[in-house]
Structure formats: C-alpha cells, structure tokens
Amino acid sequence: MIMGTFEDFRQQVTANAERVGLALRRRNRAPYGFELINEHGDVPTSGTLEELDGYLADQWVKTGADSVGDR
C-alpha cells in the first residue's frame, strides 16, 4: 500500500468500514483513537487507523468478498 496523507488513509478506512456495514468515529477522549460502530451503535472494536484497517481487511475476507476487483 502506498501511503498518502493521513486524510487519504482515514478516507480509505472509512470506505472499507462501510463495505462491511460499519462506520468510523474518532474518539476525542483518552484513550484517543478511532472506533468502528455498527448500525445498533455497538462498538465491535477500536484502536488506531492501522489496527482498524487490519481488522476491516479480516472482516472483508470473512465475508467472502475478497476477490480481485472487489477492493
């Protein structure tokens, strides 16, 4: 992955979250970072953008949607 700006990466993680039915939200209180939220407002995981990107990649594979052209 070629890394661009922080905003580019945040937008990429946001798009990946939407693919698996989640939304990305910034945590403004300690511990700072980001959360993924489902449609019920539950938080399945939280962490850095890099950690969430890895989590989303795993979720994408688990849905069986990981094929050439799906990303």
PDB file of N, CA and C in Angstrom:
ATOM      1  N   MET A   1       0.847  -1.178   0.000  1.00  0.00           N
ATOM      2  CA  MET A   1       0.000   0.000   0.000  1.00  0.00           C
ATOM      3  C   MET A   1       0.891   1.239   0.000  1.00  0.00           C
ATOM      4  N   ILE A   2       0.645   2.132  -0.917  1.00  0.00           N
ATOM      5  CA  ILE A   2       1.371   3.395  -0.945  1.00  0.00           C
ATOM      6  C   ILE A   2       0.647   4.355  -0.016  1.00  0.00           C
ATOM      7  N   MET A   3       1.374   4.887   0.955  1.00  0.00           N
ATOM      8  CA  MET A   3       0.778   5.750   1.963  1.00  0.00           C
ATOM      9  C   MET A   3       0.767   7.188   1.476  1.00  0.00           C
ATOM     10  N   GLY A   4      -0.405   7.802   1.481  1.00  0.00           N
ATOM     11  CA  GLY A   4      -0.530   9.216   1.149  1.00  0.00           C
ATOM     12  C   GLY A   4      -0.630  10.000   2.440  1.00  0.00           C
ATOM     13  N   THR A   5      -1.490  10.954   2.437  1.00  0.00           N
ATOM     14  CA  THR A   5      -1.670  11.770   3.623  1.00  0.00           C
ATOM     15  C   THR A   5      -2.539  11.040   4.648  1.00  0.00           C
ATOM     16  N   PHE A   6      -2.531  11.549   5.857  1.00  0.00           N
ATOM     17  CA  PHE A   6      -3.388  10.986   6.900  1.00  0.00           C
ATOM     18  C   PHE A   6      -4.844  10.995   6.448  1.00  0.00           C
ATOM     19  N   GLU A   7      -5.276  12.089   5.834  1.00  0.00           N
ATOM     20  CA  GLU A   7      -6.675  12.198   5.403  1.00  0.00           C
ATOM     21  C   GLU A   7      -7.007  11.152   4.348  1.00  0.00           C
ATOM     22  N   ASP A   8      -6.077  10.883   3.435  1.00  0.00           N
ATOM     23  CA  ASP A   8      -6.293   9.838   2.433  1.00  0.00           C
ATOM     24  C   ASP A   8      -6.504   8.487   3.113  1.00  0.00           C
ATOM     25  N   PHE A   9      -5.661   8.191   4.088  1.00  0.00           N
ATOM     26  CA  PHE A   9      -5.754   6.914   4.796  1.00  0.00           C
ATOM     27  C   PHE A   9      -7.055   6.834   5.593  1.00  0.00           C
ATOM     28  N   ARG A  10      -7.441   7.927   6.253  1.00  0.00           N
ATOM     29  CA  ARG A  10      -8.697   7.945   7.014  1.00  0.00           C
ATOM     30  C   ARG A  10      -9.880   7.690   6.085  1.00  0.00           C
ATOM     31  N   GLN A  11      -9.864   8.296   4.911  1.00  0.00           N
ATOM     32  CA  GLN A  11     -10.938   8.090   3.949  1.00  0.00           C
ATOM     33  C   GLN A  11     -10.971   6.644   3.452  1.00  0.00           C
ATOM     34  N   GLN A  12      -9.804   6.048   3.273  1.00  0.00           N
ATOM     35  CA  GLN A  12      -9.733   4.653   2.855  1.00  0.00           C
ATOM     36  C   GLN A  12     -10.329   3.739   3.917  1.00  0.00           C
ATOM     37  N   VAL A  13      -9.972   3.965   5.180  1.00  0.00           N
ATOM     38  CA  VAL A  13     -10.501   3.147   6.270  1.00  0.00           C
ATOM     39  C   VAL A  13     -12.015   3.350   6.392  1.00  0.00           C
ATOM     40  N   THR A  14     -12.483   4.572   6.207  1.00  0.00           N
ATOM     41  CA  THR A  14     -13.920   4.851   6.247  1.00  0.00           C
ATOM     42  C   THR A  14     -14.645   4.072   5.162  1.00  0.00           C
ATOM     43  N   ALA A  15     -14.113   4.073   3.954  1.00  0.00           N
ATOM     44  CA  ALA A  15     -14.730   3.335   2.839  1.00  0.00           C
ATOM     45  C   ALA A  15     -14.716   1.836   3.111  1.00  0.00           C
ATOM     46  N   ASN A  16     -13.619   1.315   3.650  1.00  0.00           N
ATOM     47  CA  ASN A  16     -13.544  -0.113   3.974  1.00  0.00           C
ATOM     48  C   ASN A  16     -14.545  -0.482   5.065  1.00  0.00           C
ATOM     49  N   ALA A  17     -14.742   0.410   6.026  1.00  0.00           N
ATOM     50  CA  ALA A  17     -15.721   0.162   7.091  1.00  0.00           C
ATOM     51  C   ALA A  17     -17.124   0.085   6.510  1.00  0.00           C
ATOM     52  N   GLU A  18     -17.440   0.984   5.613  1.00  0.00           N
ATOM     53  CA  GLU A  18     -18.769   0.995   5.003  1.00  0.00           C
ATOM     54  C   GLU A  18     -19.039  -0.278   4.221  1.00  0.00           C
ATOM     55  N   ARG A  19     -18.008  -0.851   3.625  1.00  0.00           N
ATOM     56  CA  ARG A  19     -18.173  -2.103   2.862  1.00  0.00           C
ATOM     57  C   ARG A  19     -18.668  -3.255   3.726  1.00  0.00           C
ATOM     58  N   VAL A  20     -18.320  -3.219   5.007  1.00  0.00           N
ATOM     59  CA  VAL A  20     -18.746  -4.306   5.901  1.00  0.00           C
ATOM     60  C   VAL A  20     -19.835  -3.836   6.871  1.00  0.00           C
ATOM     61  N   GLY A  21     -20.472  -2.705   6.573  1.00  0.00           N
ATOM     62  CA  GLY A  21     -21.610  -2.245   7.362  1.00  0.00           C
ATOM     63  C   GLY A  21     -21.267  -1.519   8.649  1.00  0.00           C
ATOM     64  N   LEU A  22     -20.086  -0.927   8.718  1.00  0.00           N
ATOM     65  CA  LEU A  22     -19.673  -0.204   9.920  1.00  0.00           C
ATOM     66  C   LEU A  22     -19.382   1.255   9.585  1.00  0.00           C
ATOM     67  N   ALA A  23     -19.311   2.085  10.603  1.00  0.00           N
ATOM     68  CA  ALA A  23     -18.942   3.493  10.453  1.00  0.00           C
ATOM     69  C   ALA A  23     -17.714   3.757  11.310  1.00  0.00           C
ATOM     70  N   LEU A  24     -16.907   4.709  10.894  1.00  0.00           N
ATOM     71  CA  LEU A  24     -15.702   5.091  11.629  1.00  0.00           C
ATOM     72  C   LEU A  24     -15.995   6.352  12.431  1.00  0.00           C
ATOM     73  N   ARG A  25     -15.608   6.342  13.705  1.00  0.00           N
ATOM     74  CA  ARG A  25     -15.803   7.510  14.565  1.00  0.00           C
ATOM     75  C   ARG A  25     -14.523   7.782  15.343  1.00  0.00           C
ATOM     76  N   ARG A  26     -14.157   9.053  15.451  1.00  0.00           N
ATOM     77  CA  ARG A  26     -12.965   9.476  16.207  1.00  0.00           C
ATOM     78  C   ARG A  26     -13.300   9.531  17.681  1.00  0.00           C
ATOM     79  N   ARG A  27     -12.410   8.984  18.514  1.00  0.00           N
ATOM     80  CA  ARG A  27     -12.547   9.102  19.974  1.00  0.00           C
ATOM     81  C   ARG A  27     -11.835  10.369  20.412  1.00  0.00           C
ATOM     82  N   ASN A  28     -12.561  11.277  21.034  1.00  0.00           N
ATOM     83  CA  ASN A  28     -11.982  12.548  21.458  1.00  0.00           C
ATOM     84  C   ASN A  28     -11.558  12.554  22.917  1.00  0.00           C
ATOM     85  N   ARG A  29     -11.710  11.444  23.591  1.00  0.00           N
ATOM     86  CA  ARG A  29     -11.270  11.311  24.984  1.00  0.00           C
ATOM     87  C   ARG A  29     -10.293  10.142  25.075  1.00  0.00           C
ATOM     88  N   ALA A  30      -9.455  10.208  26.076  1.00  0.00           N
ATOM     89  CA  ALA A  30      -8.464   9.140  26.269  1.00  0.00           C
ATOM     90  C   ALA A  30      -9.158   7.813  26.511  1.00  0.00           C
ATOM     91  N   PRO A  31      -8.703   6.716  25.975  1.00  0.00           N
ATOM     92  CA  PRO A  31      -7.567   6.642  25.047  1.00  0.00           C
ATOM     93  C   PRO A  31      -7.997   7.118  23.657  1.00  0.00           C
ATOM     94  N   TYR A  32      -7.251   8.024  23.086  1.00  0.00           N
ATOM     95  CA  TYR A  32      -7.584   8.591  21.790  1.00  0.00           C
ATOM     96  C   TYR A  32      -7.403   7.551  20.696  1.00  0.00           C
ATOM     97  N   GLY A  33      -8.098   7.733  19.632  1.00  0.00           N
ATOM     98  CA  GLY A  33      -8.018   6.811  18.512  1.00  0.00           C
ATOM     99  C   GLY A  33      -9.322   6.841  17.752  1.00  0.00           C
ATOM    100  N   PHE A  34      -9.721   5.687  17.264  1.00  0.00           N
ATOM    101  CA  PHE A  34     -10.929   5.578  16.456  1.00  0.00           C
ATOM    102  C   PHE A  34     -11.730   4.369  16.902  1.00  0.00           C
ATOM    103  N   GLU A  35     -13.022   4.386  16.590  1.00  0.00           N
ATOM    104  CA  GLU A  35     -13.920   3.268  16.875  1.00  0.00           C
ATOM    105  C   GLU A  35     -14.668   2.911  15.601  1.00  0.00           C
ATOM    106  N   LEU A  36     -15.004   1.647  15.482  1.00  0.00           N
ATOM    107  CA  LEU A  36     -15.915   1.209  14.443  1.00  0.00           C
ATOM    108  C   LEU A  36     -17.262   0.965  15.113  1.00  0.00           C
ATOM    109  N   ILE A  37     -18.317   1.456  14.492  1.00  0.00           N
ATOM    110  CA  ILE A  37     -19.651   1.380  15.075  1.00  0.00           C
ATOM    111  C   ILE A  37     -20.570   0.658  14.103  1.00  0.00           C
ATOM    112  N   ASN A  38     -21.402  -0.248  14.639  1.00  0.00           N
ATOM    113  CA  ASN A  38     -22.371  -0.919  13.781  1.00  0.00           C
ATOM    114  C   ASN A  38     -23.693  -0.145  13.780  1.00  0.00           C
ATOM    115  N   GLU A  39     -24.681  -0.680  13.069  1.00  0.00           N
ATOM    116  CA  GLU A  39     -25.952   0.021  12.911  1.00  0.00           C
ATOM    117  C   GLU A  39     -26.735   0.156  14.215  1.00  0.00           C
ATOM    118  N   HIS A  40     -26.375  -0.610  15.236  1.00  0.00           N
ATOM    119  CA  HIS A  40     -27.047  -0.546  16.535  1.00  0.00           C
ATOM    120  C   HIS A  40     -26.326   0.380  17.516  1.00  0.00           C
ATOM    121  N   GLY A  41     -25.216   0.971  17.081  1.00  0.00           N
ATOM    122  CA  GLY A  41     -24.438   1.844  17.949  1.00  0.00           C
ATOM    123  C   GLY A  41     -23.425   1.106  18.798  1.00  0.00           C
ATOM    124  N   ASP A  42     -23.307  -0.206  18.587  1.00  0.00           N
ATOM    125  CA  ASP A  42     -22.316  -1.002  19.312  1.00  0.00           C
ATOM    126  C   ASP A  42     -20.933  -0.778  18.694  1.00  0.00           C
ATOM    127  N   VAL A  43     -19.908  -0.930  19.518  1.00  0.00           N
ATOM    128  CA  VAL A  43     -18.521  -0.744  19.074  1.00  0.00           C
ATOM    129  C   VAL A  43     -17.834  -2.114  19.075  1.00  0.00           C
ATOM    130  N   PRO A  44     -17.728  -2.766  17.897  1.00  0.00           N
ATOM    131  CA  PRO A  44     -17.070  -4.076  17.860  1.00  0.00           C
ATOM    132  C   PRO A  44     -15.573  -4.015  18.119  1.00  0.00           C
ATOM    133  N   THR A  45     -14.938  -2.884  17.789  1.00  0.00           N
ATOM    134  CA  THR A  45     -13.507  -2.734  18.033  1.00  0.00           C
ATOM    135  C   THR A  45     -13.116  -1.261  17.964  1.00  0.00           C
ATOM    136  N   SER A  46     -11.953  -0.973  18.533  1.00  0.00           N
ATOM    137  CA  SER A  46     -11.417   0.386  18.487  1.00  0.00           C
ATOM    138  C   SER A  46      -9.901   0.305  18.471  1.00  0.00           C
ATOM    139  N   GLY A  47      -9.259   1.399  18.098  1.00  0.00           N
ATOM    140  CA  GLY A  47      -7.803   1.434  18.069  1.00  0.00           C
ATOM    141  C   GLY A  47      -7.304   2.487  17.106  1.00  0.00           C
ATOM    142  N   THR A  48      -6.079   2.291  16.639  1.00  0.00           N
ATOM    143  CA  THR A  48      -5.507   3.209  15.658  1.00  0.00           C
ATOM    144  C   THR A  48      -6.095   2.920  14.284  1.00  0.00           C
ATOM    145  N   LEU A  49      -5.920   3.833  13.362  1.00  0.00           N
ATOM    146  CA  LEU A  49      -6.389   3.585  11.998  1.00  0.00           C
ATOM    147  C   LEU A  49      -5.730   2.345  11.407  1.00  0.00           C
ATOM    148  N   GLU A  50      -4.453   2.142  11.695  1.00  0.00           N
ATOM    149  CA  GLU A  50      -3.745   0.973  11.175  1.00  0.00           C
ATOM    150  C   GLU A  50      -4.351  -0.313  11.722  1.00  0.00           C
ATOM    151  N   GLU A  51      -4.658  -0.328  13.016  1.00  0.00           N
ATOM    152  CA  GLU A  51      -5.276  -1.513  13.623  1.00  0.00           C
ATOM    153  C   GLU A  51      -6.655  -1.765  13.039  1.00  0.00           C
ATOM    154  N   LEU A  52      -7.432  -0.712  12.866  1.00  0.00           N
ATOM    155  CA  LEU A  52      -8.773  -0.873  12.316  1.00  0.00           C
ATOM    156  C   LEU A  52      -8.734  -1.289  10.858  1.00  0.00           C
ATOM    157  N   ASP A  53      -7.752  -0.811  10.117  1.00  0.00           N
ATOM    158  CA  ASP A  53      -7.598  -1.223   8.723  1.00  0.00           C
ATOM    159  C   ASP A  53      -7.345  -2.726   8.643  1.00  0.00           C
ATOM    160  N   GLY A  54      -6.500  -3.244   9.533  1.00  0.00           N
ATOM    161  CA  GLY A  54      -6.259  -4.687   9.583  1.00  0.00           C
ATOM    162  C   GLY A  54      -7.505  -5.466   9.971  1.00  0.00           C
ATOM    163  N   TYR A  55      -8.237  -4.970  10.959  1.00  0.00           N
ATOM    164  CA  TYR A  55      -9.487  -5.602  11.386  1.00  0.00           C
ATOM    165  C   TYR A  55     -10.478  -5.656  10.224  1.00  0.00           C
ATOM    166  N   LEU A  56     -10.602  -4.553   9.498  1.00  0.00           N
ATOM    167  CA  LEU A  56     -11.541  -4.495   8.376  1.00  0.00           C
ATOM    168  C   LEU A  56     -11.120  -5.430   7.250  1.00  0.00           C
ATOM    169  N   ALA A  57      -9.823  -5.560   7.006  1.00  0.00           N
ATOM    170  CA  ALA A  57      -9.337  -6.496   5.988  1.00  0.00           C
ATOM    171  C   ALA A  57      -9.738  -7.923   6.371  1.00  0.00           C
ATOM    172  N   ASP A  58      -9.602  -8.269   7.642  1.00  0.00           N
ATOM    173  CA  ASP A  58     -10.013  -9.596   8.114  1.00  0.00           C
ATOM    174  C   ASP A  58     -11.513  -9.795   7.944  1.00  0.00           C
ATOM    175  N   GLN A  59     -12.303  -8.780   8.272  1.00  0.00           N
ATOM    176  CA  GLN A  59     -13.761  -8.871   8.130  1.00  0.00           C
ATOM    177  C   GLN A  59     -14.157  -9.023   6.669  1.00  0.00           C
ATOM    178  N   TRP A  60     -13.454  -8.322   5.788  1.00  0.00           N
ATOM    179  CA  TRP A  60     -13.739  -8.391   4.355  1.00  0.00           C
ATOM    180  C   TRP A  60     -13.491  -9.805   3.836  1.00  0.00           C
ATOM    181  N   VAL A  61     -12.395 -10.423   4.283  1.00  0.00           N
ATOM    182  CA  VAL A  61     -12.082 -11.791   3.878  1.00  0.00           C
ATOM    183  C   VAL A  61     -13.138 -12.758   4.416  1.00  0.00           C
ATOM    184  N   LYS A  62     -13.545 -12.566   5.672  1.00  0.00           N
ATOM    185  CA  LYS A  62     -14.542 -13.455   6.283  1.00  0.00           C
ATOM    186  C   LYS A  62     -15.882 -13.413   5.575  1.00  0.00           C
ATOM    187  N   THR A  63     -16.220 -12.278   4.944  1.00  0.00           N
ATOM    188  CA  THR A  63     -17.495 -12.194   4.231  1.00  0.00           C
ATOM    189  C   THR A  63     -17.430 -12.902   2.884  1.00  0.00           C
ATOM    190  N   GLY A  64     -16.223 -13.318   2.472  1.00  0.00           N
ATOM    191  CA  GLY A  64     -16.069 -13.992   1.198  1.00  0.00           C
ATOM    192  C   GLY A  64     -16.024 -13.036   0.026  1.00  0.00           C
ATOM    193  N   ALA A  65     -15.887 -11.746   0.301  1.00  0.00           N
ATOM    194  CA  ALA A  65     -15.917 -10.739  -0.748  1.00  0.00           C
ATOM    195  C   ALA A  65     -14.536 -10.370  -1.254  1.00  0.00           C
ATOM    196  N   ASP A  66     -13.510 -11.036  -0.775  1.00  0.00           N
ATOM    197  CA  ASP A  66     -12.149 -10.651  -1.153  1.00  0.00           C
ATOM    198  C   ASP A  66     -11.729 -11.342  -2.443  1.00  0.00           C
ATOM    199  N   SER A  67     -11.982 -10.680  -3.550  1.00  0.00           N
ATOM    200  CA  SER A  67     -11.524 -11.194  -4.833  1.00  0.00           C
ATOM    201  C   SER A  67     -10.949 -10.030  -5.620  1.00  0.00           C
ATOM    202  N   VAL A  68     -10.242 -10.317  -6.654  1.00  0.00           N
ATOM    203  CA  VAL A  68      -9.639  -9.267  -7.461  1.00  0.00           C
ATOM    204  C   VAL A  68     -10.755  -8.345  -7.970  1.00  0.00           C
ATOM    205  N   GLY A  69     -10.586  -7.060  -7.741  1.00  0.00           N
ATOM    206  CA  GLY A  69     -11.580  -6.104  -8.200  1.00  0.00           C
ATOM    207  C   GLY A  69     -12.603  -5.708  -7.151  1.00  0.00           C
ATOM    208  N   ASP A  70     -12.712  -6.464  -6.054  1.00  0.00           N
ATOM    209  CA  ASP A  70     -13.657  -6.116  -5.002  1.00  0.00           C
ATOM    210  C   ASP A  70     -13.139  -4.993  -4.125  1.00  0.00           C
ATOM    211  N   ARG A  71     -11.836  -4.760  -4.144  1.00  0.00           N
ATOM    212  CA  ARG A  71     -11.275  -3.719  -3.286  1.00  0.00           C
ATOM    213  C   ARG A  71     -11.097  -2.462  -4.044  1.00  0.00           C
TER     214      ARG A  71
END
